[in-house]
C-alpha atoms as a PDB file:
ATOM      1  CA  UNK A   1     -15.184   8.119  -4.521  1.00  0.00           C
ATOM      2  CA  UNK A   2     -15.844   6.150  -0.807  1.00  0.00           C
ATOM      3  CA  UNK A   3     -12.632   7.998   0.697  1.00  0.00           C
ATOM      4  CA  UNK A   4     -14.715  11.670   0.331  1.00  0.00           C
ATOM      5  CA  UNK A   5     -18.201   9.891   1.249  1.00  0.00           C
ATOM      6  CA  UNK A   6     -16.301   8.715   4.428  1.00  0.00           C
ATOM      7  CA  UNK A   7     -14.817  12.658   5.006  1.00  0.00           C
ATOM      8  CA  UNK A   8     -18.330  13.390   4.656  1.00  0.00           C
ATOM      9  CA  UNK A   9     -19.727  10.791   7.004  1.00  0.00           C
ATOM     10  CA  UNK A  10     -16.398  11.801  10.418  1.00  0.00           C
ATOM     11  CA  UNK A  11     -17.207  14.816   9.250  1.00  0.00           C
ATOM     12  CA  UNK A  12     -21.293  15.115  10.006  1.00  0.00           C
ATOM     13  CA  UNK A  13     -19.745  12.825  14.023  1.00  0.00           C
ATOM     14  CA  UNK A  14     -17.197  13.793  14.905  1.00  0.00           C
ATOM     15  CA  UNK A  15     -18.786  16.177  17.373  1.00  0.00           C
ATOM     16  CA  UNK A  16     -19.717  12.931  18.482  1.00  0.00           C
ATOM     17  CA  UNK A  17     -17.643  10.961  17.669  1.00  0.00           C
ATOM     18  CA  UNK A  18     -16.162  10.395  21.522  1.00  0.00           C
ATOM     19  CA  UNK A  19     -19.082   9.889  23.114  1.00  0.00           C
ATOM     20  CA  UNK A  20     -20.314   7.301  20.916  1.00  0.00           C
ATOM     21  CA  UNK A  21     -16.577   5.629  20.852  1.00  0.00           C
ATOM     22  CA  UNK A  22     -17.388   5.541  24.476  1.00  0.00           C
ATOM     23  CA  UNK A  23     -21.331   4.987  25.614  1.00  0.00           C
ATOM     24  CA  UNK A  24     -22.006   2.556  22.498  1.00  0.00           C
ATOM     25  CA  UNK A  25     -18.484   0.570  22.236  1.00  0.00           C
ATOM     26  CA  UNK A  26     -16.183   0.273  25.166  1.00  0.00           C
ATOM     27  CA  UNK A  27     -13.943   1.905  22.558  1.00  0.00           C
ATOM     28  CA  UNK A  28     -10.304   0.838  24.052  1.00  0.00           C
ATOM     29  CA  UNK A  29      -8.143   0.561  20.469  1.00  0.00           C
ATOM     30  CA  UNK A  30      -6.295   3.845  21.738  1.00  0.00           C
ATOM     31  CA  UNK A  31      -5.625   2.713  25.024  1.00  0.00           C
ATOM     32  CA  UNK A  32      -3.399  -0.291  24.454  1.00  0.00           C
ATOM     33  CA  UNK A  33      -2.428   0.707  21.410  1.00  0.00           C
ATOM     34  CA  UNK A  34      -0.350   3.035  23.909  1.00  0.00           C
ATOM     35  CA  UNK A  35       0.233   1.108  26.179  1.00  0.00           C
ATOM     36  CA  UNK A  36       2.338  -1.473  23.758  1.00  0.00           C
ATOM     37  CA  UNK A  37       3.617   1.732  21.780  1.00  0.00           C
ATOM     38  CA  UNK A  38       4.506   3.371  24.871  1.00  0.00           C
ATOM     39  CA  UNK A  39       7.179  -0.030  25.169  1.00  0.00           C
ATOM     40  CA  UNK A  40       8.970   0.783  22.228  1.00  0.00           C
ATOM     41  CA  UNK A  41       8.801   4.973  22.161  1.00  0.00           C
ATOM     42  CA  UNK A  42      10.623   6.825  24.522  1.00  0.00           C
ATOM     43  CA  UNK A  43       8.876   9.623  25.536  1.00  0.00           C
ATOM     44  CA  UNK A  44      10.871  12.511  23.645  1.00  0.00           C
ATOM     45  CA  UNK A  45       9.739  10.526  20.203  1.00  0.00           C
ATOM     46  CA  UNK A  46       8.203  13.109  17.429  1.00  0.00           C
ATOM     47  CA  UNK A  47       5.583  11.400  16.499  1.00  0.00           C
ATOM     48  CA  UNK A  48       2.821  11.765  13.609  1.00  0.00           C
ATOM     49  CA  UNK A  49      -0.512  10.262  14.927  1.00  0.00           C
ATOM     50  CA  UNK A  50      -2.294   8.033  11.870  1.00  0.00           C
ATOM     51  CA  UNK A  51      -5.455   8.763  11.161  1.00  0.00           C
ATOM     52  CA  UNK A  52      -5.854  11.517  14.126  1.00  0.00           C
ATOM     53  CA  UNK A  53     -10.134  11.192  14.914  1.00  0.00           C
ATOM     54  CA  UNK A  54     -10.746  13.713  17.276  1.00  0.00           C
ATOM     55  CA  UNK A  55      -7.888  12.362  18.705  1.00  0.00           C
ATOM     56  CA  UNK A  56      -8.044  10.028  21.538  1.00  0.00           C
ATOM     57  CA  UNK A  57      -4.626   8.471  20.870  1.00  0.00           C
ATOM     58  CA  UNK A  58      -3.364  11.883  21.665  1.00  0.00           C
ATOM     59  CA  UNK A  59      -4.674  12.358  25.380  1.00  0.00           C
ATOM     60  CA  UNK A  60      -3.087   8.604  26.315  1.00  0.00           C
ATOM     61  CA  UNK A  61      -0.027   9.575  24.607  1.00  0.00           C
ATOM     62  CA  UNK A  62       0.672  12.512  26.260  1.00  0.00           C
ATOM     63  CA  UNK A  63      -0.557  11.225  29.968  1.00  0.00           C
ATOM     64  CA  UNK A  64       2.481   9.223  29.631  1.00  0.00           C
ATOM     65  CA  UNK A  65       5.084  11.777  28.245  1.00  0.00           C
ATOM     66  CA  UNK A  66       4.905  12.205  24.936  1.00  0.00           C
ATOM     67  CA  UNK A  67       4.871  15.836  23.563  1.00  0.00           C
ATOM     68  CA  UNK A  68       6.276  16.114  19.399  1.00  0.00           C
ATOM     69  CA  UNK A  69       2.684  15.185  18.498  1.00  0.00           C
ATOM     70  CA  UNK A  70       0.972  15.777  14.710  1.00  0.00           C
ATOM     71  CA  UNK A  71      -1.101  14.150  12.912  1.00  0.00           C
ATOM     72  CA  UNK A  72      -3.390  13.450   9.983  1.00  0.00           C
ATOM     73  CA  UNK A  73      -6.608  12.597   9.069  1.00  0.00           C
ATOM     74  CA  UNK A  74      -9.148  12.747   5.425  1.00  0.00           C
ATOM     75  CA  UNK A  75     -11.580  14.999   7.724  1.00  0.00           C
ATOM     76  CA  UNK A  76     -11.665  18.068   8.692  1.00  0.00           C
ATOM     77  CA  UNK A  77     -14.779  18.026  10.852  1.00  0.00           C
ATOM     78  CA  UNK A  78     -12.194  14.784  12.723  1.00  0.00           C
ATOM     79  CA  UNK A  79      -9.373  18.124  12.412  1.00  0.00           C
ATOM     80  CA  UNK A  80     -10.711  20.507  13.912  1.00  0.00           C
ATOM     81  CA  UNK A  81     -12.395  18.528  17.254  1.00  0.00           C
ATOM     82  CA  UNK A  82      -7.778  17.442  17.872  1.00  0.00           C
ATOM     83  CA  UNK A  83      -7.560  20.736  18.080  1.00  0.00           C
ATOM     84  CA  UNK A  84     -10.280  22.163  19.814  1.00  0.00           C
ATOM     85  CA  UNK A  85      -8.092  19.616  22.280  1.00  0.00           C
ATOM     86  CA  UNK A  86      -4.668  21.048  21.495  1.00  0.00           C
ATOM     87  CA  UNK A  87      -2.359  17.963  22.424  1.00  0.00           C
ATOM     88  CA  UNK A  88      -1.165  18.342  18.616  1.00  0.00           C
ATOM     89  CA  UNK A  89       1.630  20.705  17.812  1.00  0.00           C
ATOM     90  CA  UNK A  90       0.036  20.534  13.549  1.00  0.00           C
ATOM     91  CA  UNK A  91      -3.037  18.204  12.263  1.00  0.00           C
ATOM     92  CA  UNK A  92      -3.269  18.563   8.145  1.00  0.00           C
ATOM     93  CA  UNK A  93      -5.464  16.144   5.929  1.00  0.00           C
ATOM     94  CA  UNK A  94      -4.097  13.774   4.997  1.00  0.00           C
ATOM     95  CA  UNK A  95      -5.200  10.669   2.923  1.00  0.00           C
ATOM     96  CA  UNK A  96      -4.090   6.790   3.289  1.00  0.00           C
ATOM     97  CA  UNK A  97      -3.206   4.674  -0.262  1.00  0.00           C
ATOM     98  CA  UNK A  98      -2.325   8.995  -1.614  1.00  0.00           C
ATOM     99  CA  UNK A  99       0.574  10.716  -1.024  1.00  0.00           C
ATOM    100  CA  UNK A 100       1.463  12.363   2.830  1.00  0.00           C
ATOM    101  CA  UNK A 101       2.658  15.911   2.836  1.00  0.00           C
ATOM    102  CA  UNK A 102       5.256  15.086   5.191  1.00  0.00           C
ATOM    103  CA  UNK A 103       9.455  15.234   4.527  1.00  0.00           C
ATOM    104  CA  UNK A 104      11.465  11.611   4.483  1.00  0.00           C
ATOM    105  CA  UNK A 105      12.373  10.876   7.773  1.00  0.00           C
ATOM    106  CA  UNK A 106      10.118  13.618  10.094  1.00  0.00           C
ATOM    107  CA  UNK A 107       9.250  11.298  12.566  1.00  0.00           C
ATOM    108  CA  UNK A 108      10.488   8.458  15.137  1.00  0.00           C
ATOM    109  CA  UNK A 109       7.723   6.783  15.147  1.00  0.00           C
ATOM    110  CA  UNK A 110       4.084   6.237  13.650  1.00  0.00           C
ATOM    111  CA  UNK A 111       0.229   5.291  15.753  1.00  0.00           C
ATOM    112  CA  UNK A 112      -2.836   4.598  13.959  1.00  0.00           C
ATOM    113  CA  UNK A 113      -6.126   3.026  16.043  1.00  0.00           C
ATOM    114  CA  UNK A 114      -8.773   2.589  14.378  1.00  0.00           C
ATOM    115  CA  UNK A 115      -8.092   3.222  10.527  1.00  0.00           C
ATOM    116  CA  UNK A 116      -6.702   0.066   8.908  1.00  0.00           C
ATOM    117  CA  UNK A 117     -10.358  -1.229   8.712  1.00  0.00           C
ATOM    118  CA  UNK A 118     -12.213  -2.580   6.050  1.00  0.00           C
ATOM    119  CA  UNK A 119     -13.166   0.082   3.021  1.00  0.00           C
ATOM    120  CA  UNK A 120     -10.670   2.965   4.883  1.00  0.00           C
ATOM    121  CA  UNK A 121      -7.023   2.634   4.772  1.00  0.00           C
ATOM    122  CA  UNK A 122      -5.564   0.567   1.572  1.00  0.00           C
ATOM    123  CA  UNK A 123      -2.164  -1.429   3.014  1.00  0.00           C
ATOM    124  CA  UNK A 124      -1.175   0.667   0.110  1.00  0.00           C
ATOM    125  CA  UNK A 125      -1.702   3.290   2.663  1.00  0.00           C
ATOM    126  CA  UNK A 126       1.493   1.415   4.586  1.00  0.00           C
ATOM    127  CA  UNK A 127       4.076   2.397   2.007  1.00  0.00           C
ATOM    128  CA  UNK A 128       3.749   6.679   2.731  1.00  0.00           C
ATOM    129  CA  UNK A 129       3.405   5.695   6.421  1.00  0.00           C
ATOM    130  CA  UNK A 130       6.669   4.463   6.357  1.00  0.00           C
ATOM    131  CA  UNK A 131       8.847   6.913   4.051  1.00  0.00           C
ATOM    132  CA  UNK A 132       7.735   9.957   6.778  1.00  0.00           C
ATOM    133  CA  UNK A 133       8.853   7.436   9.405  1.00  0.00           C
ATOM    134  CA  UNK A 134      13.279   7.552  10.432  1.00  0.00           C
ATOM    135  CA  UNK A 135      15.140   4.107  10.166  1.00  0.00           C
ATOM    136  CA  UNK A 136      14.778   2.636  13.756  1.00  0.00           C
ATOM    137  CA  UNK A 137      11.805   3.922  14.123  1.00  0.00           C
ATOM    138  CA  UNK A 138       7.904   2.249  15.153  1.00  0.00           C
ATOM    139  CA  UNK A 139       5.378   1.934  13.558  1.00  0.00           C
ATOM    140  CA  UNK A 140       2.108   0.549  16.212  1.00  0.00           C
ATOM    141  CA  UNK A 141      -1.437   0.029  13.801  1.00  0.00           C
ATOM    142  CA  UNK A 142      -4.320  -1.310  15.198  1.00  0.00           C
ATOM    143  CA  UNK A 143      -6.124  -4.090  12.791  1.00  0.00           C
ATOM    144  CA  UNK A 144      -8.574  -6.981  12.706  1.00  0.00           C
ATOM    145  CA  UNK A 145      -6.956 -10.685  11.535  1.00  0.00           C
ATOM    146  CA  UNK A 146      -9.625 -11.357   9.892  1.00  0.00           C
ATOM    147  CA  UNK A 147      -9.355  -8.618   7.638  1.00  0.00           C
ATOM    148  CA  UNK A 148      -4.989  -8.696   8.037  1.00  0.00           C
ATOM    149  CA  UNK A 149      -5.961 -11.827   6.116  1.00  0.00           C
ATOM    150  CA  UNK A 150      -8.021 -11.031   4.143  1.00  0.00           C
ATOM    151  CA  UNK A 151      -7.468  -6.689   2.669  1.00  0.00           C
ATOM    152  CA  UNK A 152      -3.479  -7.605   1.520  1.00  0.00           C
ATOM    153  CA  UNK A 153      -2.238  -6.139   4.768  1.00  0.00           C
ATOM    154  CA  UNK A 154      -0.495  -9.480   5.232  1.00  0.00           C
ATOM    155  CA  UNK A 155       0.800 -10.110   1.680  1.00  0.00           C
ATOM    156  CA  UNK A 156       2.018  -6.370   2.586  1.00  0.00           C
ATOM    157  CA  UNK A 157       3.574  -7.705   5.607  1.00  0.00           C
ATOM    158  CA  UNK A 158       6.089  -9.962   4.044  1.00  0.00           C
ATOM    159  CA  UNK A 159       6.990  -8.260   1.173  1.00  0.00           C
ATOM    160  CA  UNK A 160       8.021  -5.372   3.704  1.00  0.00           C
ATOM    161  CA  UNK A 161       9.878  -7.385   5.074  1.00  0.00           C
ATOM    162  CA  UNK A 162      11.705  -9.452   2.292  1.00  0.00           C
ATOM    163  CA  UNK A 163      12.778  -6.515   1.474  1.00  0.00           C
ATOM    164  CA  UNK A 164      14.274  -4.946   4.621  1.00  0.00           C
ATOM    165  CA  UNK A 165      11.696  -2.771   4.982  1.00  0.00           C
ATOM    166  CA  UNK A 166      10.581  -3.039   8.305  1.00  0.00           C
ATOM    167  CA  UNK A 167      11.168  -6.156  11.214  1.00  0.00           C
ATOM    168  CA  UNK A 168       7.916  -7.461  12.229  1.00  0.00           C
ATOM    169  CA  UNK A 169       8.971  -6.909  16.287  1.00  0.00           C
ATOM    170  CA  UNK A 170       5.084  -7.819  18.257  1.00  0.00           C
ATOM    171  CA  UNK A 171       2.362  -9.470  17.024  1.00  0.00           C
ATOM    172  CA  UNK A 172      -0.158  -9.014  20.507  1.00  0.00           C
ATOM    173  CA  UNK A 173      -2.740 -11.333  22.083  1.00  0.00           C
ATOM    174  CA  UNK A 174      -6.866 -10.712  20.571  1.00  0.00           C
ATOM    175  CA  UNK A 175      -7.402  -8.064  22.450  1.00  0.00           C
ATOM    176  CA  UNK A 176     -11.863  -6.649  22.278  1.00  0.00           C
ATOM    177  CA  UNK A 177     -11.546  -3.247  20.980  1.00  0.00           C
ATOM    178  CA  UNK A 178     -15.332  -2.531  21.225  1.00  0.00           C
ATOM    179  CA  UNK A 179     -16.263  -5.073  24.735  1.00  0.00           C
ATOM    180  CA  UNK A 180     -19.959  -2.827  24.530  1.00  0.00           C
ATOM    181  CA  UNK A 181     -21.027  -2.567  21.144  1.00  0.00           C
ATOM    182  CA  UNK A 182     -19.519  -5.432  19.624  1.00  0.00           C
ATOM    183  CA  UNK A 183     -17.202  -8.063  22.156  1.00  0.00           C
ATOM    184  CA  UNK A 184     -16.654 -10.830  19.223  1.00  0.00           C
ATOM    185  CA  UNK A 185     -14.569  -7.922  17.127  1.00  0.00           C
ATOM    186  CA  UNK A 186     -11.610  -8.779  18.173  1.00  0.00           C
ATOM    187  CA  UNK A 187      -8.460  -7.312  17.081  1.00  0.00           C
ATOM    188  CA  UNK A 188      -4.302  -6.641  17.312  1.00  0.00           C
ATOM    189  CA  UNK A 189      -1.360  -4.357  17.757  1.00  0.00           C
ATOM    190  CA  UNK A 190       1.252  -4.791  14.723  1.00  0.00           C
ATOM    191  CA  UNK A 191       4.386  -2.641  16.148  1.00  0.00           C
ATOM    192  CA  UNK A 192       7.269  -2.810  13.366  1.00  0.00           C
ATOM    193  CA  UNK A 193      10.700  -1.370  13.556  1.00  0.00           C
ATOM    194  CA  UNK A 194      11.608  -0.056  10.340  1.00  0.00           C
ATOM    195  CA  UNK A 195      15.379  -1.038   9.074  1.00  0.00           C
END
């Protein structure tokens, strides 16, 4: 299926991923998202990096004094790149939309940048992320508004709010996270607190 193809594509891209994103797109989503995240989450928190990729978020978190970082990704190649950097305590394979290999209420917060997007992780992936984060904890993720609307994320958010699972703490302004490559593609940072 598509998740396997996606994993394969990222395995092949892993080595050049950071330089490609920087050179071709000027990707800054991880920086903006981490700044928002750090407003709500203290640096002694246990953090899960959802769709860790090569660990770009980890670097931003480490710079801000966070140290209790774990991560998962669907691509072993990406995990290998992240591991080399040494910012994470544990890294494992995990696919959003399927059960994750973590216990309930393990983390104080979750962060996810560039993961919930077209043809990638589905809105149903929220359930497992929320399961592994403690009540009172935070879930911060980036998404393009048109995908948020069209691909079930807004509906998912509304149902989570209605069932008292989360409250929406912040929905950021629009940012161009790819100013070099795709300046017209805008993203938002969403912040949920678990109830």
